[in-house]
N, C-alpha and C. Protein backbone atom coordinates (compact mmCIF):
# COMPACT_ATOMS: atom_id res chain seq x y z
N MET A 1 34.66 18.14 -112.43
CA MET A 1 34.15 19.29 -111.14
C MET A 1 35.47 19.13 -110.71
N GLU A 2 35.55 20.42 -110.38
CA GLU A 2 37.06 21.26 -109.34
C GLU A 2 36.69 21.10 -108.24
N VAL A 3 37.67 20.22 -107.29
CA VAL A 3 37.34 19.89 -105.57
C VAL A 3 37.45 21.29 -105.06
N GLN A 4 36.72 21.95 -104.35
CA GLN A 4 37.03 23.14 -103.40
C GLN A 4 37.15 23.00 -101.96
N ASN A 5 38.06 23.89 -101.36
CA ASN A 5 38.03 24.02 -100.08
C ASN A 5 37.33 24.60 -99.15
N GLN A 6 36.30 23.76 -98.21
CA GLN A 6 35.86 24.42 -97.24
C GLN A 6 35.52 25.29 -96.58
N PHE A 7 37.04 25.93 -96.29
CA PHE A 7 37.36 27.30 -95.68
C PHE A 7 37.29 28.15 -96.60
N GLU A 8 37.58 27.78 -97.81
CA GLU A 8 37.39 29.50 -98.91
C GLU A 8 35.71 29.78 -99.00
N TRP A 9 35.88 30.94 -99.43
CA TRP A 9 34.89 31.42 -99.79
C TRP A 9 33.98 30.90 -101.23
N HIS A 10 32.46 29.87 -100.95
CA HIS A 10 32.01 29.61 -102.25
C HIS A 10 30.55 29.59 -102.02
N VAL A 11 29.81 29.50 -103.46
CA VAL A 11 28.29 29.51 -102.86
C VAL A 11 27.76 27.88 -103.13
N LYS A 12 26.42 27.81 -102.48
CA LYS A 12 25.91 26.67 -102.47
C LYS A 12 25.20 26.40 -104.01
N PRO A 13 25.11 25.50 -104.49
CA PRO A 13 24.26 25.15 -105.93
C PRO A 13 22.84 24.71 -105.52
N ASN A 14 22.10 25.75 -107.00
CA ASN A 14 20.53 25.31 -106.48
C ASN A 14 20.24 23.89 -106.93
N GLY A 15 19.30 23.75 -106.02
CA GLY A 15 18.45 22.13 -105.43
C GLY A 15 19.19 21.69 -104.37
N TRP A 16 19.93 22.19 -104.01
CA TRP A 16 20.71 21.13 -102.96
C TRP A 16 20.03 21.83 -101.03
N LYS A 17 20.26 20.96 -100.82
CA LYS A 17 19.08 21.34 -99.14
C LYS A 17 20.59 21.38 -98.13
N VAL A 18 21.58 20.64 -98.53
CA VAL A 18 22.86 21.00 -97.64
C VAL A 18 23.94 21.49 -98.33
N CYS A 19 24.88 22.43 -98.38
CA CYS A 19 25.93 22.74 -99.18
C CYS A 19 26.88 21.14 -99.41
N PRO A 20 27.26 20.80 -100.95
CA PRO A 20 28.03 19.85 -101.22
C PRO A 20 29.27 19.95 -100.92
N ILE A 21 29.79 21.37 -100.73
CA ILE A 21 31.46 21.67 -100.29
C ILE A 21 31.65 21.84 -99.02
N CYS A 22 30.74 22.12 -97.84
CA CYS A 22 31.15 22.23 -96.16
C CYS A 22 30.29 21.89 -95.60
N GLY A 23 28.86 21.50 -96.16
CA GLY A 23 27.84 20.42 -95.11
C GLY A 23 26.79 21.57 -94.71
N CYS A 24 27.21 23.10 -94.93
CA CYS A 24 26.51 24.15 -93.82
C CYS A 24 24.70 23.70 -94.59
N ASP A 25 23.64 23.77 -93.58
CA ASP A 25 22.31 23.34 -93.99
C ASP A 25 21.25 24.61 -93.80
N ASN A 26 22.00 25.97 -93.37
CA ASN A 26 21.19 27.14 -93.19
C ASN A 26 21.35 28.38 -93.84
N VAL A 27 21.66 28.18 -95.17
CA VAL A 27 21.90 29.03 -95.59
C VAL A 27 21.28 28.71 -97.48
N ARG A 28 20.87 30.34 -97.67
CA ARG A 28 20.23 29.71 -99.30
C ARG A 28 21.18 29.54 -100.57
N ALA A 29 20.64 29.16 -101.82
CA ALA A 29 21.33 28.95 -102.47
C ALA A 29 22.22 30.39 -103.06
N GLY A 30 23.26 30.32 -103.76
CA GLY A 30 23.86 31.44 -103.92
C GLY A 30 24.59 32.61 -103.08
N VAL A 31 24.37 32.24 -102.02
CA VAL A 31 25.24 33.09 -100.90
C VAL A 31 26.08 32.77 -100.56
N LYS A 32 27.46 33.36 -101.02
CA LYS A 32 28.78 33.22 -100.55
C LYS A 32 29.17 32.67 -98.82
N HIS A 33 29.75 31.27 -98.42
CA HIS A 33 30.08 31.40 -97.41
C HIS A 33 30.95 30.45 -97.22
N ARG A 34 31.36 30.39 -96.23
CA ARG A 34 32.68 29.15 -95.95
C ARG A 34 32.43 28.81 -94.61
N ALA A 35 33.16 27.62 -94.50
CA ALA A 35 33.03 26.63 -92.96
C ALA A 35 34.41 27.49 -92.10
N LEU A 36 34.25 27.35 -91.14
CA LEU A 36 35.32 28.52 -90.07
C LEU A 36 36.22 27.19 -89.40
N ILE A 37 37.55 27.54 -89.20
CA ILE A 37 38.25 26.45 -88.67
C ILE A 37 38.16 26.59 -86.87
N ALA A 38 38.95 25.44 -86.57
CA ALA A 38 38.27 25.20 -84.92
C ALA A 38 38.29 26.53 -84.09
N SER A 39 39.19 27.52 -84.11
CA SER A 39 39.28 28.78 -83.38
C SER A 39 38.35 29.78 -83.90
N GLU A 40 37.88 29.56 -84.96
CA GLU A 40 37.08 30.43 -85.35
C GLU A 40 35.73 30.39 -84.62
N GLN A 41 35.46 29.30 -84.67
CA GLN A 41 33.93 28.72 -84.48
C GLN A 41 33.83 28.74 -82.98
N TRP A 42 35.07 28.74 -81.87
CA TRP A 42 34.69 29.05 -80.62
C TRP A 42 34.47 30.26 -80.28
N GLN A 43 34.93 31.42 -81.17
CA GLN A 43 35.29 32.60 -80.80
C GLN A 43 33.74 33.17 -81.12
N GLN A 44 33.11 32.54 -82.46
CA GLN A 44 31.97 33.00 -82.89
C GLN A 44 30.59 32.09 -82.42
N ARG A 45 31.34 30.70 -81.91
CA ARG A 45 30.37 30.15 -81.59
C ARG A 45 28.72 29.64 -82.80
N ALA A 46 29.38 29.15 -83.72
CA ALA A 46 29.17 28.98 -85.02
C ALA A 46 29.82 28.32 -86.07
N LEU A 47 29.46 27.10 -86.69
CA LEU A 47 30.37 26.12 -87.70
C LEU A 47 30.52 27.31 -89.09
N TRP A 48 30.01 28.16 -89.16
CA TRP A 48 30.24 28.54 -90.98
C TRP A 48 29.99 30.14 -90.73
N GLU A 49 30.15 30.76 -91.93
CA GLU A 49 30.09 32.36 -91.85
C GLU A 49 29.43 32.93 -93.24
N LYS A 50 28.67 34.03 -93.33
CA LYS A 50 28.31 34.07 -94.84
C LYS A 50 28.63 35.61 -94.92
N ARG A 51 28.71 36.17 -96.20
CA ARG A 51 29.17 37.51 -96.34
C ARG A 51 27.19 37.81 -97.07
N ILE A 52 27.47 39.25 -96.52
CA ILE A 52 25.92 39.81 -96.93
C ILE A 52 26.44 41.03 -97.17
N LYS A 53 25.99 41.54 -98.79
CA LYS A 53 26.20 42.69 -99.25
C LYS A 53 25.29 43.99 -98.61
N VAL A 54 26.35 45.46 -98.75
CA VAL A 54 25.74 45.95 -97.87
C VAL A 54 26.08 47.26 -98.82
N ALA A 55 25.09 48.21 -98.79
CA ALA A 55 25.78 49.75 -98.94
C ALA A 55 25.73 49.53 -100.72
N PHE A 56 24.53 49.11 -101.14
CA PHE A 56 24.40 48.98 -102.84
C PHE A 56 24.96 48.48 -103.14
N GLY A 57 25.83 47.29 -102.66
CA GLY A 57 26.50 45.66 -103.15
C GLY A 57 27.94 46.89 -103.47
N MET A 58 28.63 47.73 -102.75
CA MET A 58 29.94 48.03 -102.94
C MET A 58 30.61 47.52 -102.01
N ASP A 59 30.15 47.21 -100.47
CA ASP A 59 30.80 46.59 -98.97
C ASP A 59 29.98 45.34 -99.17
N PHE A 60 30.56 44.95 -98.30
CA PHE A 60 29.92 43.70 -98.09
C PHE A 60 30.19 43.43 -95.73
N SER A 61 29.34 42.74 -95.41
CA SER A 61 29.52 42.20 -93.92
C SER A 61 29.32 40.95 -93.60
N ILE A 62 29.95 40.36 -92.53
CA ILE A 62 29.98 39.17 -92.32
C ILE A 62 29.14 38.37 -91.37
N GLU A 63 28.43 37.59 -91.50
CA GLU A 63 27.35 37.21 -90.40
C GLU A 63 27.52 35.51 -90.19
N ALA A 64 27.36 35.57 -88.66
CA ALA A 64 27.71 33.74 -88.13
C ALA A 64 26.58 33.28 -88.89
N ILE A 65 26.95 31.88 -89.04
CA ILE A 65 25.68 31.21 -89.69
C ILE A 65 26.11 29.55 -88.72
N ARG A 66 24.05 29.77 -87.85
CA ARG A 66 24.58 28.57 -86.69
C ARG A 66 23.73 26.98 -87.40
N SER A 67 24.07 26.14 -87.26
CA SER A 67 23.24 24.98 -87.61
C SER A 67 21.63 24.89 -87.34
N LYS A 68 20.65 24.44 -88.70
CA LYS A 68 19.24 24.31 -87.81
C LYS A 68 19.14 23.64 -86.73
N VAL A 69 20.23 22.74 -86.62
CA VAL A 69 19.85 21.16 -85.46
C VAL A 69 19.96 21.80 -84.46
């Protein structure tokens, strides 16, 4: 198994409650997301961000993810 960096875009595998790569607890399986570095966390008031497809999958938007806790 390849070790992935939590700050690079990745997806949570099916069957996991918490992402094994970055620890995100508030994202569905298959959604591209990444952990934020400290300065980004402060700016966005969140620990992670996710990509959301828009315009028929040709473009995407980025949205902050906050912890469930």
